[in-house]
Amino acid sequence: MTTSPTAATRLPSAAQRKWLSRADDNGNLPTFWGTTGRTKEACISAGWAERRSEASCVITDAGRAALENHK
């Protein structure tokens, strides 16, 4: 998993934090959880999540750090 420079300089929105916080122990994020595609795409663009397939995303180390930095 990589860390994006963008991920290090900004924090996720409330909706993005809510989705990222739903990652399971393996880092898998919910596919259909009432989020908009925009929320997922913003997290992927920021480097907080990465797409494994069309229907699968995982949280990155940068995503975990962004959640920790927000506490």
Protein backbone atom coordinates (compact mmCIF):
# COMPACT_ATOMS: atom_id res chain seq x y z
CA MET A 1 0.00 0.00 0.00
CA THR A 2 1.25 3.41 -0.88
CA THR A 3 1.03 6.82 0.71
CA SER A 4 -0.03 9.67 -1.52
CA PRO A 5 1.32 13.20 -0.91
CA THR A 6 -2.30 14.37 -1.00
CA ALA A 7 -3.23 11.96 1.77
CA ALA A 8 -0.58 13.41 4.04
CA THR A 9 -1.76 17.00 3.61
CA ARG A 10 -5.52 16.78 4.09
CA LEU A 11 -8.04 15.02 6.26
CA PRO A 12 -11.07 13.05 5.08
CA SER A 13 -14.55 14.55 5.30
CA ALA A 14 -17.11 13.15 7.74
CA ALA A 15 -18.60 10.88 5.05
CA GLN A 16 -15.15 9.69 4.00
CA ARG A 17 -14.14 8.98 7.61
CA LYS A 18 -17.37 7.05 8.16
CA TRP A 19 -16.71 4.84 5.13
CA LEU A 20 -13.01 4.34 5.93
CA SER A 21 -13.84 3.42 9.52
CA ARG A 22 -15.96 0.52 8.24
CA ALA A 23 -12.87 -1.42 7.09
CA ASP A 24 -12.79 -4.95 8.49
CA ASP A 25 -9.73 -6.59 10.08
CA ASN A 26 -8.35 -7.42 6.62
CA GLY A 27 -8.78 -3.83 5.42
CA ASN A 28 -11.73 -4.59 3.15
CA LEU A 29 -14.16 -1.72 2.79
CA PRO A 30 -17.91 -2.18 2.30
CA THR A 31 -18.96 -2.21 -1.33
CA PHE A 32 -22.57 -1.17 -0.82
CA TRP A 33 -22.97 0.81 2.33
CA GLY A 34 -25.01 3.82 1.36
CA THR A 35 -21.97 5.79 0.23
CA THR A 36 -21.94 7.67 -3.01
CA GLY A 37 -19.49 6.75 -5.70
CA ARG A 38 -18.02 10.19 -5.15
CA THR A 39 -17.06 9.32 -1.55
CA LYS A 40 -15.26 6.17 -2.65
CA GLU A 41 -13.55 7.86 -5.60
CA ALA A 42 -12.39 10.76 -3.42
CA CYS A 43 -10.86 8.31 -0.94
CA ILE A 44 -9.13 6.42 -3.74
CA SER A 45 -7.85 9.66 -5.32
CA ALA A 46 -6.50 10.83 -1.95
CA GLY A 47 -4.69 7.52 -1.43
CA TRP A 48 -6.80 6.51 1.59
CA ALA A 49 -8.23 3.47 -0.23
CA GLU A 50 -7.30 1.44 -3.26
CA ARG A 51 -9.45 -0.48 -5.65
CA ARG A 52 -8.73 -4.22 -5.84
CA SER A 53 -11.44 -4.90 -8.42
CA GLU A 54 -14.52 -3.16 -9.75
CA ALA A 55 -16.43 -4.16 -6.61
CA SER A 56 -13.68 -4.31 -4.00
CA CYS A 57 -11.71 -1.62 -2.14
CA VAL A 58 -9.28 -1.78 0.77
CA ILE A 59 -8.09 0.87 3.18
CA THR A 60 -4.45 1.91 2.81
CA ASP A 61 -1.91 2.78 5.48
CA ALA A 62 -2.52 6.43 4.57
CA GLY A 63 -6.26 5.90 5.18
CA ARG A 64 -5.58 4.43 8.61
CA ALA A 65 -3.24 7.34 9.40
CA ALA A 66 -5.86 9.87 8.28
CA LEU A 67 -8.39 8.29 10.65
CA GLU A 68 -5.86 8.34 13.50
CA ASN A 69 -4.90 11.97 12.80
CA HIS A 70 -8.52 13.01 13.06
CA LYS A 71 -9.00 11.68 16.60
